[in-house]
Amino acid sequence: MSHEICHLGPGEELMDWATFTHLHSVIELESRGRQKPRRARPARAPRPKPRRRPVRPPVVDIEDLCARALARDPAPPMAPPPEARPSPSAAAALEAEIAGCPSLDAVARLGVHLARSYASAAALFLVHRGAISGVASDGIESRETGVLLSTDVPCLFTKTATNGEPFRGAPPGTALDMRILGVLGREHVQEIALLPVTLRGRVVNILYADNGPQALGDAPAAALATVCTHLSRAYERLILERKLLLG
């Protein structure tokens, strides 16, 4: 038997198909036997997702922020708004309206509006059955309804109500008077006026007026007294008209 390596002849194979298949099967089985069997790994529980901490907004000092903004871009000073006072022609029209007004309530409201022609703020108080109460106002944000006091309590308002004495001057320093001005929001004014509105010798209203941080002045004070005269005449007319209506 020759062990010499030589070329195969035409149509000659090194091994037949059956021998090749058997040899491959043996080699594959031997290779599987040498491999160690894989152990099944236990299933791992899914890791919980980390919770996201809520993002807290940074603490902002509003006052500091505004101060820095104003320092970068200072705003021009704002001019005070013009006061909504009736003009002289409107005041004359109001006097005519009061002269022909059909109700007491309308007379009171038109009266304080007319008083605003000569002052920064005006309010009208009713004096009735030993009490003083607010009726109408203009320029003081309708705070007069918070005023209710007895005429027996000594103060500047009750003095005008009981004696009919007008007052004009700096706000008094008494506790009750300052409390009333505080309710009206007028505790820091320079000068006030309290004027009686009389009907047949009896005080029925008190007209309050001030000019804010400025003095009232003689001419406006005289005009405010004329407003009280218009109110008194209107009340007298309404009483007479009611008597005629009732017969």
C-alpha atoms as a PDB file:
ATOM      1  CA  MET A   1       0.000   0.000   0.000  1.00  0.00           C
ATOM      2  CA  SER A   2       1.545   3.208  -1.048  1.00  0.00           C
ATOM      3  CA  HIS A   3       1.427   6.211   1.316  1.00  0.00           C
ATOM      4  CA  GLU A   4       2.522   8.551  -1.353  1.00  0.00           C
ATOM      5  CA  ILE A   5       0.413  11.646  -1.921  1.00  0.00           C
ATOM      6  CA  CYS A   6      -0.839  11.803  -5.461  1.00  0.00           C
ATOM      7  CA  HIS A   7      -3.661  13.343  -7.434  1.00  0.00           C
ATOM      8  CA  LEU A   8      -7.021  11.597  -7.613  1.00  0.00           C
ATOM      9  CA  GLY A   9      -8.065  10.160 -10.878  1.00  0.00           C
ATOM     10  CA  PRO A  10     -10.981  11.410 -12.894  1.00  0.00           C
ATOM     11  CA  GLY A  11     -14.296  10.689 -11.059  1.00  0.00           C
ATOM     12  CA  GLU A  12     -12.457   9.378  -7.972  1.00  0.00           C
ATOM     13  CA  GLU A  13     -13.519  10.730  -4.474  1.00  0.00           C
ATOM     14  CA  LEU A  14     -11.555  10.706  -1.253  1.00  0.00           C
ATOM     15  CA  MET A  15     -14.563   9.189   0.629  1.00  0.00           C
ATOM     16  CA  ASP A  16     -18.059   8.327  -0.332  1.00  0.00           C
ATOM     17  CA  TRP A  17     -21.155  10.295   0.792  1.00  0.00           C
ATOM     18  CA  ALA A  18     -22.202   7.810   3.492  1.00  0.00           C
ATOM     19  CA  THR A  19     -18.759   7.865   5.133  1.00  0.00           C
ATOM     20  CA  PHE A  20     -18.702  11.720   5.057  1.00  0.00           C
ATOM     21  CA  THR A  21     -22.128  11.990   6.716  1.00  0.00           C
ATOM     22  CA  HIS A  22     -21.241   9.491   9.473  1.00  0.00           C
ATOM     23  CA  LEU A  23     -17.955  11.244  10.216  1.00  0.00           C
ATOM     24  CA  HIS A  24     -19.638  14.643  10.527  1.00  0.00           C
ATOM     25  CA  SER A  25     -22.248  13.233  12.919  1.00  0.00           C
ATOM     26  CA  VAL A  26     -19.593  11.772  15.212  1.00  0.00           C
ATOM     27  CA  ILE A  27     -17.591  15.003  15.299  1.00  0.00           C
ATOM     28  CA  GLU A  28     -20.684  17.077  16.121  1.00  0.00           C
ATOM     29  CA  LEU A  29     -21.742  14.729  18.952  1.00  0.00           C
ATOM     30  CA  GLU A  30     -18.264  14.799  20.466  1.00  0.00           C
ATOM     31  CA  SER A  31     -18.135  18.595  20.375  1.00  0.00           C
ATOM     32  CA  ARG A  32     -21.499  18.864  22.145  1.00  0.00           C
ATOM     33  CA  GLY A  33     -20.330  16.470  24.841  1.00  0.00           C
ATOM     34  CA  ARG A  34     -17.320  18.629  25.602  1.00  0.00           C
ATOM     35  CA  GLN A  35     -19.445  21.768  26.107  1.00  0.00           C
ATOM     36  CA  LYS A  36     -20.720  22.339  29.646  1.00  0.00           C
ATOM     37  CA  PRO A  37     -24.486  22.683  29.956  1.00  0.00           C
ATOM     38  CA  ARG A  38     -25.584  26.297  30.582  1.00  0.00           C
ATOM     39  CA  ARG A  39     -27.385  26.935  33.813  1.00  0.00           C
ATOM     40  CA  ALA A  40     -30.588  28.876  33.611  1.00  0.00           C
ATOM     41  CA  ARG A  41     -30.141  32.209  35.297  1.00  0.00           C
ATOM     42  CA  PRO A  42     -32.947  33.331  37.551  1.00  0.00           C
ATOM     43  CA  ALA A  43     -34.949  36.171  36.138  1.00  0.00           C
ATOM     44  CA  ARG A  44     -34.039  39.453  37.709  1.00  0.00           C
ATOM     45  CA  ALA A  45     -36.758  41.714  38.949  1.00  0.00           C
ATOM     46  CA  PRO A  46     -36.893  44.958  36.995  1.00  0.00           C
ATOM     47  CA  ARG A  47     -35.142  47.753  38.749  1.00  0.00           C
ATOM     48  CA  PRO A  48     -37.487  50.495  39.842  1.00  0.00           C
ATOM     49  CA  LYS A  49     -37.005  53.666  37.956  1.00  0.00           C
ATOM     50  CA  PRO A  50     -35.502  56.396  40.103  1.00  0.00           C
ATOM     51  CA  ARG A  51     -38.052  58.951  41.177  1.00  0.00           C
ATOM     52  CA  ARG A  52     -37.513  62.359  39.804  1.00  0.00           C
ATOM     53  CA  ARG A  53     -37.377  64.969  42.473  1.00  0.00           C
ATOM     54  CA  PRO A  54     -39.697  67.874  41.789  1.00  0.00           C
ATOM     55  CA  VAL A  55     -37.813  70.852  40.551  1.00  0.00           C
ATOM     56  CA  ARG A  56     -38.485  73.663  42.974  1.00  0.00           C
ATOM     57  CA  PRO A  57     -38.431  77.147  41.536  1.00  0.00           C
ATOM     58  CA  PRO A  58     -35.790  79.357  43.024  1.00  0.00           C
ATOM     59  CA  VAL A  59     -36.918  81.717  45.744  1.00  0.00           C
ATOM     60  CA  VAL A  60     -37.209  85.191  44.287  1.00  0.00           C
ATOM     61  CA  ASP A  61     -37.119  88.314  46.388  1.00  0.00           C
ATOM     62  CA  ILE A  62     -39.731  90.455  44.647  1.00  0.00           C
ATOM     63  CA  GLU A  63     -38.663  93.669  46.330  1.00  0.00           C
ATOM     64  CA  ASP A  64     -35.033  93.086  45.407  1.00  0.00           C
ATOM     65  CA  LEU A  65     -36.008  92.224  41.836  1.00  0.00           C
ATOM     66  CA  CYS A  66     -38.065  95.392  41.474  1.00  0.00           C
ATOM     67  CA  ALA A  67     -35.287  97.468  42.989  1.00  0.00           C
ATOM     68  CA  ARG A  68     -32.755  96.091  40.506  1.00  0.00           C
ATOM     69  CA  ALA A  69     -35.147  96.561  37.602  1.00  0.00           C
ATOM     70  CA  LEU A  70     -35.769 100.167  38.570  1.00  0.00           C
ATOM     71  CA  ALA A  71     -32.035 100.729  38.940  1.00  0.00           C
ATOM     72  CA  ARG A  72     -31.477  99.470  35.387  1.00  0.00           C
ATOM     73  CA  ASP A  73     -34.409 101.310  33.840  1.00  0.00           C
ATOM     74  CA  PRO A  74     -35.836 103.946  36.175  1.00  0.00           C
ATOM     75  CA  ALA A  75     -39.384 104.931  35.280  1.00  0.00           C
ATOM     76  CA  PRO A  76     -40.186 108.615  34.888  1.00  0.00           C
ATOM     77  CA  PRO A  77     -42.113 110.118  37.793  1.00  0.00           C
ATOM     78  CA  MET A  78     -45.864 109.888  37.286  1.00  0.00           C
ATOM     79  CA  ALA A  79     -47.840 113.095  37.393  1.00  0.00           C
ATOM     80  CA  PRO A  80     -50.820 113.023  39.751  1.00  0.00           C
ATOM     81  CA  PRO A  81     -54.106 112.442  37.907  1.00  0.00           C
ATOM     82  CA  PRO A  82     -56.297 115.506  37.519  1.00  0.00           C
ATOM     83  CA  GLU A  83     -59.097 115.723  40.053  1.00  0.00           C
ATOM     84  CA  ALA A  84     -62.546 115.123  38.628  1.00  0.00           C
ATOM     85  CA  ARG A  85     -64.222 118.303  39.840  1.00  0.00           C
ATOM     86  CA  PRO A  86     -67.161 120.007  38.151  1.00  0.00           C
ATOM     87  CA  SER A  87     -66.314 123.099  36.133  1.00  0.00           C
ATOM     88  CA  PRO A  88     -67.883 126.495  36.991  1.00  0.00           C
ATOM     89  CA  SER A  89     -70.454 126.037  34.243  1.00  0.00           C
ATOM     90  CA  ALA A  90     -71.242 122.557  35.536  1.00  0.00           C
ATOM     91  CA  ALA A  91     -71.588 123.975  39.056  1.00  0.00           C
ATOM     92  CA  ALA A  92     -74.208 126.416  37.820  1.00  0.00           C
ATOM     93  CA  ALA A  93     -76.068 123.562  36.139  1.00  0.00           C
ATOM     94  CA  LEU A  94     -75.945 121.545  39.365  1.00  0.00           C
ATOM     95  CA  GLU A  95     -77.468 124.438  41.297  1.00  0.00           C
ATOM     96  CA  ALA A  96     -80.368 124.496  38.823  1.00  0.00           C
ATOM     97  CA  GLU A  97     -80.792 120.733  39.130  1.00  0.00           C
ATOM     98  CA  ILE A  98     -80.927 120.948  42.936  1.00  0.00           C
ATOM     99  CA  ALA A  99     -83.544 123.693  42.699  1.00  0.00           C
ATOM    100  CA  GLY A 100     -85.865 121.381  40.762  1.00  0.00           C
ATOM    101  CA  CYS A 101     -84.815 117.980  42.129  1.00  0.00           C
ATOM    102  CA  PRO A 102     -87.776 115.626  42.836  1.00  0.00           C
ATOM    103  CA  SER A 103     -86.422 113.672  45.851  1.00  0.00           C
ATOM    104  CA  LEU A 104     -84.487 114.203  49.078  1.00  0.00           C
ATOM    105  CA  ASP A 105     -81.923 111.535  48.202  1.00  0.00           C
ATOM    106  CA  ALA A 106     -81.198 113.134  44.831  1.00  0.00           C
ATOM    107  CA  VAL A 107     -80.822 116.548  46.510  1.00  0.00           C
ATOM    108  CA  ALA A 108     -78.227 115.117  48.917  1.00  0.00           C
ATOM    109  CA  ARG A 109     -76.187 113.442  46.192  1.00  0.00           C
ATOM    110  CA  LEU A 110     -76.252 116.469  43.913  1.00  0.00           C
ATOM    111  CA  GLY A 111     -75.289 118.633  46.891  1.00  0.00           C
ATOM    112  CA  VAL A 112     -72.060 116.741  47.635  1.00  0.00           C
ATOM    113  CA  HIS A 113     -71.243 116.725  43.940  1.00  0.00           C
ATOM    114  CA  LEU A 114     -71.691 120.494  43.872  1.00  0.00           C
ATOM    115  CA  ALA A 115     -69.489 120.828  46.963  1.00  0.00           C
ATOM    116  CA  ARG A 116     -66.750 119.017  45.057  1.00  0.00           C
ATOM    117  CA  SER A 117     -66.534 122.066  42.812  1.00  0.00           C
ATOM    118  CA  TYR A 118     -64.787 123.801  45.704  1.00  0.00           C
ATOM    119  CA  ALA A 119     -63.037 121.006  47.633  1.00  0.00           C
ATOM    120  CA  SER A 120     -61.152 117.747  47.126  1.00  0.00           C
ATOM    121  CA  ALA A 121     -63.640 115.718  49.128  1.00  0.00           C
ATOM    122  CA  ALA A 122     -67.156 116.246  50.436  1.00  0.00           C
ATOM    123  CA  ALA A 123     -69.638 114.235  52.477  1.00  0.00           C
ATOM    124  CA  LEU A 124     -73.136 114.845  53.788  1.00  0.00           C
ATOM    125  CA  PHE A 125     -74.398 113.554  57.140  1.00  0.00           C
ATOM    126  CA  LEU A 126     -77.978 113.255  58.324  1.00  0.00           C
ATOM    127  CA  VAL A 127     -78.897 114.565  61.772  1.00  0.00           C
ATOM    128  CA  HIS A 128     -82.072 112.838  62.868  1.00  0.00           C
ATOM    129  CA  ARG A 129     -83.491 111.706  66.211  1.00  0.00           C
ATOM    130  CA  GLY A 130     -80.305 112.212  68.192  1.00  0.00           C
ATOM    131  CA  ALA A 131     -78.002 110.429  65.738  1.00  0.00           C
ATOM    132  CA  ILE A 132     -75.555 111.406  63.008  1.00  0.00           C
ATOM    133  CA  SER A 133     -75.159 109.064  60.043  1.00  0.00           C
ATOM    134  CA  GLY A 134     -73.552 109.231  56.613  1.00  0.00           C
ATOM    135  CA  VAL A 135     -75.785 109.861  53.602  1.00  0.00           C
ATOM    136  CA  ALA A 136     -73.642 110.617  50.537  1.00  0.00           C
ATOM    137  CA  SER A 137     -70.082 111.490  49.578  1.00  0.00           C
ATOM    138  CA  ASP A 138     -67.861 112.419  46.669  1.00  0.00           C
ATOM    139  CA  GLY A 139     -64.081 112.060  46.610  1.00  0.00           C
ATOM    140  CA  ILE A 140     -63.751 109.782  49.663  1.00  0.00           C
ATOM    141  CA  GLU A 141     -64.688 106.373  48.153  1.00  0.00           C
ATOM    142  CA  SER A 142     -68.156 106.292  49.760  1.00  0.00           C
ATOM    143  CA  ARG A 143     -66.868 105.637  53.297  1.00  0.00           C
ATOM    144  CA  GLU A 144     -69.404 107.932  54.933  1.00  0.00           C
ATOM    145  CA  THR A 145     -71.757 104.980  55.548  1.00  0.00           C
ATOM    146  CA  GLY A 146     -69.364 103.777  58.246  1.00  0.00           C
ATOM    147  CA  VAL A 147     -70.088 106.841  60.403  1.00  0.00           C
ATOM    148  CA  LEU A 148     -72.867 106.529  62.981  1.00  0.00           C
ATOM    149  CA  LEU A 149     -72.740 108.288  66.335  1.00  0.00           C
ATOM    150  CA  SER A 150     -75.018 109.811  68.936  1.00  0.00           C
ATOM    151  CA  THR A 151     -75.353 113.564  69.265  1.00  0.00           C
ATOM    152  CA  ASP A 152     -74.861 113.137  73.025  1.00  0.00           C
ATOM    153  CA  VAL A 153     -71.202 112.196  72.539  1.00  0.00           C
ATOM    154  CA  PRO A 154     -69.018 115.326  72.757  1.00  0.00           C
ATOM    155  CA  CYS A 155     -67.007 115.922  69.577  1.00  0.00           C
ATOM    156  CA  LEU A 156     -66.714 118.474  66.791  1.00  0.00           C
ATOM    157  CA  PHE A 157     -69.371 116.809  64.616  1.00  0.00           C
ATOM    158  CA  THR A 158     -71.970 116.696  67.394  1.00  0.00           C
ATOM    159  CA  LYS A 159     -71.231 120.311  68.335  1.00  0.00           C
ATOM    160  CA  THR A 160     -72.154 121.433  64.820  1.00  0.00           C
ATOM    161  CA  ALA A 161     -75.209 119.178  64.865  1.00  0.00           C
ATOM    162  CA  THR A 162     -76.589 120.440  68.189  1.00  0.00           C
ATOM    163  CA  ASN A 163     -75.568 124.109  68.143  1.00  0.00           C
ATOM    164  CA  GLY A 164     -75.511 124.773  64.405  1.00  0.00           C
ATOM    165  CA  GLU A 165     -72.017 126.230  64.675  1.00  0.00           C
ATOM    166  CA  PRO A 166     -69.869 125.872  61.548  1.00  0.00           C
ATOM    167  CA  PHE A 167     -66.230 124.877  61.936  1.00  0.00           C
ATOM    168  CA  ARG A 168     -63.257 125.499  59.685  1.00  0.00           C
ATOM    169  CA  GLY A 169     -59.683 124.766  60.679  1.00  0.00           C
ATOM    170  CA  ALA A 170     -57.099 122.092  61.288  1.00  0.00           C
ATOM    171  CA  PRO A 171     -58.421 118.646  62.215  1.00  0.00           C
ATOM    172  CA  PRO A 172     -59.004 118.465  65.961  1.00  0.00           C
ATOM    173  CA  GLY A 173     -56.880 116.219  68.086  1.00  0.00           C
ATOM    174  CA  THR A 174     -59.698 114.582  70.029  1.00  0.00           C
ATOM    175  CA  ALA A 175     -59.859 110.809  69.778  1.00  0.00           C
ATOM    176  CA  LEU A 176     -63.438 110.585  68.481  1.00  0.00           C
ATOM    177  CA  ASP A 177     -63.034 113.272  65.813  1.00  0.00           C
ATOM    178  CA  MET A 178     -59.826 111.649  64.559  1.00  0.00           C
ATOM    179  CA  ARG A 179     -61.579 108.292  64.517  1.00  0.00           C
ATOM    180  CA  ILE A 180     -64.353 109.722  62.327  1.00  0.00           C
ATOM    181  CA  LEU A 181     -61.779 111.237  59.972  1.00  0.00           C
ATOM    182  CA  GLY A 182     -60.018 107.875  59.918  1.00  0.00           C
ATOM    183  CA  VAL A 183     -63.225 106.128  58.846  1.00  0.00           C
ATOM    184  CA  LEU A 184     -63.537 108.684  56.053  1.00  0.00           C
ATOM    185  CA  GLY A 185     -59.895 108.177  55.105  1.00  0.00           C
ATOM    186  CA  ARG A 186     -59.190 111.903  55.671  1.00  0.00           C
ATOM    187  CA  GLU A 187     -57.062 111.870  58.823  1.00  0.00           C
ATOM    188  CA  HIS A 188     -54.043 113.489  57.107  1.00  0.00           C
ATOM    189  CA  VAL A 189     -55.732 116.535  55.563  1.00  0.00           C
ATOM    190  CA  GLN A 190     -54.607 120.069  56.426  1.00  0.00           C
ATOM    191  CA  GLU A 191     -57.970 121.748  56.965  1.00  0.00           C
ATOM    192  CA  ILE A 192     -61.601 120.647  57.281  1.00  0.00           C
ATOM    193  CA  ALA A 193     -64.958 122.399  57.204  1.00  0.00           C
ATOM    194  CA  LEU A 194     -68.156 121.326  58.967  1.00  0.00           C
ATOM    195  CA  LEU A 195     -71.172 123.336  57.846  1.00  0.00           C
ATOM    196  CA  PRO A 196     -74.759 122.941  59.075  1.00  0.00           C
ATOM    197  CA  VAL A 197     -77.714 122.592  56.726  1.00  0.00           C
ATOM    198  CA  THR A 198     -80.749 123.958  58.546  1.00  0.00           C
ATOM    199  CA  LEU A 199     -84.461 123.629  57.923  1.00  0.00           C
ATOM    200  CA  ARG A 200     -86.792 125.940  59.856  1.00  0.00           C
ATOM    201  CA  GLY A 201     -84.112 126.591  62.454  1.00  0.00           C
ATOM    202  CA  ARG A 202     -83.188 122.944  62.968  1.00  0.00           C
ATOM    203  CA  VAL A 203     -79.961 121.255  61.764  1.00  0.00           C
ATOM    204  CA  VAL A 204     -80.861 118.408  59.392  1.00  0.00           C
ATOM    205  CA  ASN A 205     -77.494 117.869  57.684  1.00  0.00           C
ATOM    206  CA  ILE A 206     -73.775 118.442  58.223  1.00  0.00           C
ATOM    207  CA  LEU A 207     -71.711 119.160  55.119  1.00  0.00           C
ATOM    208  CA  TYR A 208     -68.096 118.007  55.469  1.00  0.00           C
ATOM    209  CA  ALA A 209     -65.373 119.210  53.082  1.00  0.00           C
ATOM    210  CA  ASP A 210     -61.579 119.324  52.845  1.00  0.00           C
ATOM    211  CA  ASN A 211     -58.957 120.142  50.250  1.00  0.00           C
ATOM    212  CA  GLY A 212     -56.508 117.339  50.981  1.00  0.00           C
ATOM    213  CA  PRO A 213     -52.993 118.523  51.811  1.00  0.00           C
ATOM    214  CA  GLN A 214     -53.904 122.137  51.019  1.00  0.00           C
ATOM    215  CA  ALA A 215     -56.005 124.717  52.827  1.00  0.00           C
ATOM    216  CA  LEU A 216     -59.577 125.325  51.739  1.00  0.00           C
ATOM    217  CA  GLY A 217     -59.325 129.080  51.253  1.00  0.00           C
ATOM    218  CA  ASP A 218     -61.885 131.795  51.974  1.00  0.00           C
ATOM    219  CA  ALA A 219     -63.634 131.826  48.593  1.00  0.00           C
ATOM    220  CA  PRO A 220     -64.221 128.035  48.462  1.00  0.00           C
ATOM    221  CA  ALA A 221     -65.385 128.082  52.085  1.00  0.00           C
ATOM    222  CA  ALA A 222     -67.938 130.771  51.235  1.00  0.00           C
ATOM    223  CA  ALA A 223     -69.061 128.767  48.207  1.00  0.00           C
ATOM    224  CA  LEU A 224     -69.533 125.688  50.418  1.00  0.00           C
ATOM    225  CA  ALA A 225     -71.795 127.708  52.702  1.00  0.00           C
ATOM    226  CA  THR A 226     -73.826 128.602  49.606  1.00  0.00           C
ATOM    227  CA  VAL A 227     -74.161 124.882  48.835  1.00  0.00           C
ATOM    228  CA  CYS A 228     -75.776 124.429  52.248  1.00  0.00           C
ATOM    229  CA  THR A 229     -78.215 127.231  51.378  1.00  0.00           C
ATOM    230  CA  HIS A 230     -79.153 125.455  48.123  1.00  0.00           C
ATOM    231  CA  LEU A 231     -79.792 122.232  50.040  1.00  0.00           C
ATOM    232  CA  SER A 232     -81.931 123.977  52.628  1.00  0.00           C
ATOM    233  CA  ARG A 233     -84.067 125.651  49.945  1.00  0.00           C
ATOM    234  CA  ALA A 234     -84.501 122.359  48.083  1.00  0.00           C
ATOM    235  CA  TYR A 235     -85.676 120.594  51.255  1.00  0.00           C
ATOM    236  CA  GLU A 236     -88.155 123.416  51.981  1.00  0.00           C
ATOM    237  CA  ARG A 237     -89.538 123.210  48.449  1.00  0.00           C
ATOM    238  CA  LEU A 238     -89.985 119.427  48.618  1.00  0.00           C
ATOM    239  CA  ILE A 239     -91.835 119.694  51.946  1.00  0.00           C
ATOM    240  CA  LEU A 240     -94.208 122.308  50.523  1.00  0.00           C
ATOM    241  CA  GLU A 241     -94.810 120.233  47.388  1.00  0.00           C
ATOM    242  CA  ARG A 242     -95.631 117.209  49.510  1.00  0.00           C
ATOM    243  CA  LYS A 243     -98.101 119.196  51.619  1.00  0.00           C
ATOM    244  CA  LEU A 244     -99.819 120.475  48.489  1.00  0.00           C
ATOM    245  CA  LEU A 245     -99.959 116.965  47.066  1.00  0.00           C
ATOM    246  CA  LEU A 246    -101.538 115.564  50.219  1.00  0.00           C
ATOM    247  CA  GLY A 247    -103.970 118.496  50.387  1.00  0.00           C
END
